C-alpha atoms as a PDB file:
ATOM      1  CA  MET A   1      47.107  66.088 -15.021  1.00  0.00           C
ATOM      2  CA  PRO A   2      44.702  68.040 -12.951  1.00  0.00           C
ATOM      3  CA  ASP A   3      40.908  67.068 -12.542  1.00  0.00           C
ATOM      4  CA  SER A   4      38.501  69.235 -14.150  1.00  0.00           C
ATOM      5  CA  PRO A   5      36.201  71.442 -12.610  1.00  0.00           C
ATOM      6  CA  GLY A   6      32.837  69.342 -13.506  1.00  0.00           C
ATOM      7  CA  LEU A   7      34.562  65.888 -12.616  1.00  0.00           C
ATOM      8  CA  THR A   8      35.393  67.505  -8.950  1.00  0.00           C
ATOM      9  CA  GLU A   9      31.790  69.128  -8.039  1.00  0.00           C
ATOM     10  CA  ARG A  10      30.463  65.898  -9.160  1.00  0.00           C
ATOM     11  CA  ILE A  11      32.379  64.134  -6.998  1.00  0.00           C
ATOM     12  CA  LYS A  12      31.444  66.365  -4.172  1.00  0.00           C
ATOM     13  CA  GLN A  13      28.438  66.063  -5.398  1.00  0.00           C
ATOM     14  CA  SER A  14      28.067  61.869  -4.918  1.00  0.00           C
ATOM     15  CA  GLY A  15      30.142  62.531  -1.403  1.00  0.00           C
ATOM     16  CA  ARG A  16      26.838  64.361  -0.192  1.00  0.00           C
ATOM     17  CA  LYS A  17      24.436  62.559  -1.477  1.00  0.00           C
ATOM     18  CA  THR A  18      25.698  59.083  -0.165  1.00  0.00           C
ATOM     19  CA  ALA A  19      26.204  60.952   3.356  1.00  0.00           C
ATOM     20  CA  GLN A  20      22.897  61.943   3.136  1.00  0.00           C
ATOM     21  CA  SER A  21      21.676  58.518   2.496  1.00  0.00           C
ATOM     22  CA  PHE A  22      23.983  57.177   4.905  1.00  0.00           C
ATOM     23  CA  TRP A  23      22.284  59.435   7.645  1.00  0.00           C
ATOM     24  CA  GLY A  24      18.833  58.756   6.485  1.00  0.00           C
ATOM     25  CA  ILE A  25      19.466  54.908   7.219  1.00  0.00           C
ATOM     26  CA  VAL A  26      21.129  55.181  10.613  1.00  0.00           C
ATOM     27  CA  PRO A  27      17.687  55.331  12.407  1.00  0.00           C
ATOM     28  CA  VAL A  28      16.493  52.309  10.806  1.00  0.00           C
ATOM     29  CA  LEU A  29      19.641  50.309  11.496  1.00  0.00           C
ATOM     30  CA  LEU A  30      19.806  51.654  15.158  1.00  0.00           C
ATOM     31  CA  ALA A  31      16.064  50.462  15.722  1.00  0.00           C
ATOM     32  CA  VAL A  32      16.612  47.437  14.066  1.00  0.00           C
ATOM     33  CA  LEU A  33      19.445  46.499  16.063  1.00  0.00           C
ATOM     34  CA  LEU A  34      17.909  46.861  19.020  1.00  0.00           C
ATOM     35  CA  ILE A  35      15.447  44.783  18.500  1.00  0.00           C
ATOM     36  CA  ALA A  36      17.533  42.126  17.091  1.00  0.00           C
ATOM     37  CA  ALA A  37      18.796  42.293  20.679  1.00  0.00           C
ATOM     38  CA  LEU A  38      15.429  42.037  22.454  1.00  0.00           C
ATOM     39  CA  VAL A  39      14.752  38.941  20.274  1.00  0.00           C
ATOM     40  CA  VAL A  40      17.394  37.246  20.778  1.00  0.00           C
ATOM     41  CA  GLN A  41      17.054  37.728  24.663  1.00  0.00           C
ATOM     42  CA  LEU A  42      13.534  35.946  24.591  1.00  0.00           C
ATOM     43  CA  ILE A  43      14.690  33.095  22.280  1.00  0.00           C
ATOM     44  CA  PRO A  44      16.193  31.033  25.386  1.00  0.00           C
ATOM     45  CA  ALA A  45      13.172  31.479  27.569  1.00  0.00           C
ATOM     46  CA  VAL A  46      11.109  30.034  24.290  1.00  0.00           C
ATOM     47  CA  LEU A  47      13.244  27.299  24.207  1.00  0.00           C
ATOM     48  CA  LYS A  48      12.906  26.704  28.276  1.00  0.00           C
ATOM     49  CA  SER A  49       9.090  26.611  28.138  1.00  0.00           C
ATOM     50  CA  GLY A  50       9.340  23.120  26.482  1.00  0.00           C
ATOM     51  CA  LEU A  51       7.724  24.449  23.222  1.00  0.00           C
ATOM     52  CA  PHE A  52       8.912  21.799  21.155  1.00  0.00           C
ATOM     53  CA  GLY A  53       9.187  18.333  21.192  1.00  0.00           C
ATOM     54  CA  ASN A  54       5.639  17.619  19.929  1.00  0.00           C
ATOM     55  CA  ALA A  55       5.629  16.321  16.065  1.00  0.00           C
ATOM     56  CA  VAL A  56       8.828  17.141  14.136  1.00  0.00           C
ATOM     57  CA  TRP A  57       6.977  18.975  11.265  1.00  0.00           C
ATOM     58  CA  LEU A  58       5.409  21.617  13.665  1.00  0.00           C
ATOM     59  CA  ASP A  59       8.346  22.178  15.437  1.00  0.00           C
ATOM     60  CA  THR A  60      10.310  22.851  12.373  1.00  0.00           C
ATOM     61  CA  LEU A  61       7.438  25.246  11.186  1.00  0.00           C
ATOM     62  CA  LEU A  62       7.927  26.843  14.422  1.00  0.00           C
ATOM     63  CA  ALA A  63      11.399  26.314  14.607  1.00  0.00           C
ATOM     64  CA  ALA A  64      11.790  28.253  11.321  1.00  0.00           C
ATOM     65  CA  ILE A  65       9.347  31.286  12.122  1.00  0.00           C
ATOM     66  CA  ILE A  66      10.972  31.742  15.943  1.00  0.00           C
ATOM     67  CA  GLY A  67      14.318  32.060  13.330  1.00  0.00           C
ATOM     68  CA  SER A  68      12.758  34.343  11.162  1.00  0.00           C
ATOM     69  CA  VAL A  69      11.786  36.630  13.839  1.00  0.00           C
ATOM     70  CA  SER A  70      15.370  36.770  15.341  1.00  0.00           C
ATOM     71  CA  THR A  71      18.845  37.569  13.858  1.00  0.00           C
ATOM     72  CA  ALA A  72      22.523  36.413  14.524  1.00  0.00           C
ATOM     73  CA  GLN A  73      25.616  35.463  12.634  1.00  0.00           C
ATOM     74  CA  PRO A  74      26.584  32.344  11.125  1.00  0.00           C
ATOM     75  CA  LEU A  75      29.293  31.369  13.924  1.00  0.00           C
ATOM     76  CA  VAL A  76      26.129  32.061  16.682  1.00  0.00           C
ATOM     77  CA  SER A  77      23.495  30.055  14.924  1.00  0.00           C
ATOM     78  CA  TYR A  78      26.616  27.255  14.937  1.00  0.00           C
ATOM     79  CA  ILE A  79      27.162  26.987  18.712  1.00  0.00           C
ATOM     80  CA  PHE A  80      23.585  27.693  19.474  1.00  0.00           C
ATOM     81  CA  GLY A  81      22.348  24.623  16.964  1.00  0.00           C
ATOM     82  CA  GLY A  82      24.929  22.198  18.941  1.00  0.00           C
ATOM     83  CA  GLU A  83      23.356  23.033  22.528  1.00  0.00           C
ATOM     84  CA  LEU A  84      20.051  22.219  21.052  1.00  0.00           C
ATOM     85  CA  LEU A  85      20.615  19.210  19.569  1.00  0.00           C
ATOM     86  CA  LYS A  86      22.738  17.841  22.551  1.00  0.00           C
ATOM     87  CA  ALA A  87      19.023  18.948  24.522  1.00  0.00           C
ATOM     88  CA  GLY A  88      17.373  16.417  22.312  1.00  0.00           C
ATOM     89  CA  ILE A  89      15.772  18.942  19.439  1.00  0.00           C
ATOM     90  CA  ASP A  90      14.817  16.844  16.239  1.00  0.00           C
ATOM     91  CA  LEU A  91      17.817  18.258  13.872  1.00  0.00           C
ATOM     92  CA  MET A  92      15.462  19.191  11.247  1.00  0.00           C
ATOM     93  CA  THR A  93      14.018  21.808  13.606  1.00  0.00           C
ATOM     94  CA  VAL A  94      17.590  22.998  14.358  1.00  0.00           C
ATOM     95  CA  THR A  95      18.577  22.984  10.707  1.00  0.00           C
ATOM     96  CA  ALA A  96      14.944  24.984   9.905  1.00  0.00           C
ATOM     97  CA  LEU A  97      16.292  27.495  13.236  1.00  0.00           C
ATOM     98  CA  MET A  98      20.074  27.793  12.012  1.00  0.00           C
ATOM     99  CA  VAL A  99      19.434  28.285   8.861  1.00  0.00           C
ATOM    100  CA  THR A 100      15.692  30.892   9.044  1.00  0.00           C
ATOM    101  CA  TRP A 101      18.098  32.735  11.719  1.00  0.00           C
ATOM    102  CA  VAL A 102      20.776  33.491   9.229  1.00  0.00           C
ATOM    103  CA  THR A 103      19.323  34.366   6.392  1.00  0.00           C
ATOM    104  CA  VAL A 104      14.932  35.484   6.989  1.00  0.00           C
ATOM    105  CA  GLY A 105      15.146  38.503   8.538  1.00  0.00           C
ATOM    106  CA  ILE A 106      11.758  39.854   9.993  1.00  0.00           C
ATOM    107  CA  VAL A 107      13.214  42.520  12.476  1.00  0.00           C
ATOM    108  CA  PRO A 108      15.949  44.177   9.590  1.00  0.00           C
ATOM    109  CA  PHE A 109      13.263  43.814   6.918  1.00  0.00           C
ATOM    110  CA  PRO A 110      12.830  48.022   7.623  1.00  0.00           C
ATOM    111  CA  ALA A 111      16.324  48.263   7.164  1.00  0.00           C
ATOM    112  CA  GLU A 112      16.361  46.352   3.923  1.00  0.00           C
ATOM    113  CA  ALA A 113      13.298  47.156   2.537  1.00  0.00           C
ATOM    114  CA  THR A 114      14.721  51.017   2.418  1.00  0.00           C
ATOM    115  CA  ALA A 115      18.109  49.883   1.390  1.00  0.00           C
ATOM    116  CA  LEU A 116      16.677  47.166  -2.073  1.00  0.00           C
ATOM    117  CA  GLY A 117      13.441  48.259  -1.828  1.00  0.00           C
ATOM    118  CA  ALA A 118      10.322  46.556   0.004  1.00  0.00           C
ATOM    119  CA  ARG A 119       9.063  44.141  -2.619  1.00  0.00           C
ATOM    120  CA  PHE A 120      12.849  42.504  -3.406  1.00  0.00           C
ATOM    121  CA  ALA A 121      13.240  42.485   0.272  1.00  0.00           C
ATOM    122  CA  LEU A 122       9.526  40.881   1.065  1.00  0.00           C
ATOM    123  CA  TRP A 123      10.028  38.647  -1.778  1.00  0.00           C
ATOM    124  CA  ARG A 124      13.726  37.415  -0.927  1.00  0.00           C
ATOM    125  CA  ASN A 125      12.642  36.611   2.655  1.00  0.00           C
ATOM    126  CA  ILE A 126       9.786  34.387   1.500  1.00  0.00           C
ATOM    127  CA  TRP A 127      12.207  32.454  -1.098  1.00  0.00           C
ATOM    128  CA  ALA A 128      14.672  31.983   2.078  1.00  0.00           C
ATOM    129  CA  PHE A 129      11.933  30.680   4.302  1.00  0.00           C
ATOM    130  CA  VAL A 130      10.823  28.169   2.026  1.00  0.00           C
ATOM    131  CA  ALA A 131      14.337  27.120   1.007  1.00  0.00           C
ATOM    132  CA  ALA A 132      14.985  26.900   4.506  1.00  0.00           C
ATOM    133  CA  LEU A 133      12.660  24.472   5.298  1.00  0.00           C
ATOM    134  CA  LEU A 134      13.377  22.545   1.979  1.00  0.00           C
ATOM    135  CA  VAL A 135      17.413  22.158   3.559  1.00  0.00           C
ATOM    136  CA  SER A 136      16.096  20.868   6.723  1.00  0.00           C
ATOM    137  CA  ALA A 137      14.304  18.817   5.433  1.00  0.00           C
ATOM    138  CA  LEU A 138      17.347  17.744   2.781  1.00  0.00           C
ATOM    139  CA  THR A 139      19.635  17.798   5.382  1.00  0.00           C
ATOM    140  CA  VAL A 140      17.699  15.110   7.318  1.00  0.00           C
ATOM    141  CA  GLY A 141      17.538  12.366   4.258  1.00  0.00           C
ATOM    142  CA  VAL A 142      20.861  13.145   3.555  1.00  0.00           C
ATOM    143  CA  MET A 143      21.727  11.907   7.566  1.00  0.00           C
ATOM    144  CA  HIS A 144      19.741   9.343   6.594  1.00  0.00           C
ATOM    145  CA  ALA A 145      20.598   7.532   3.976  1.00  0.00           C
ATOM    146  CA  LEU A 146      24.659   7.808   4.959  1.00  0.00           C
END
């Protein structure tokens, strides 16, 4: 059964709209990727500066902020977190950094806001930040209970 002319035209129109939306988002995505690459390069310098090692809660909050600004894949955060633990950084601090690094996105926020809406992106990031702090505290609590 051949396609009706109306269906074919609607498919073509949808394809054009999809292509226009994609090309509209490409510059934002490229900018986000470039900024993310710069931020990730700054993290080792920040850690070597002796930024951590004060109070656990202050370190945890600071790590959560640093993790929120940078972005990475979960696999990278696991490796990075392991190295931080070997360097003597507290488990709660490392957990907050890892969770915010993967779930909160200040750098990719413009792309997320463009694709999903600014209000949604803002609330998702706020709740992800709060949840990361709770997860880091619960992780240490569970580890001490065992």
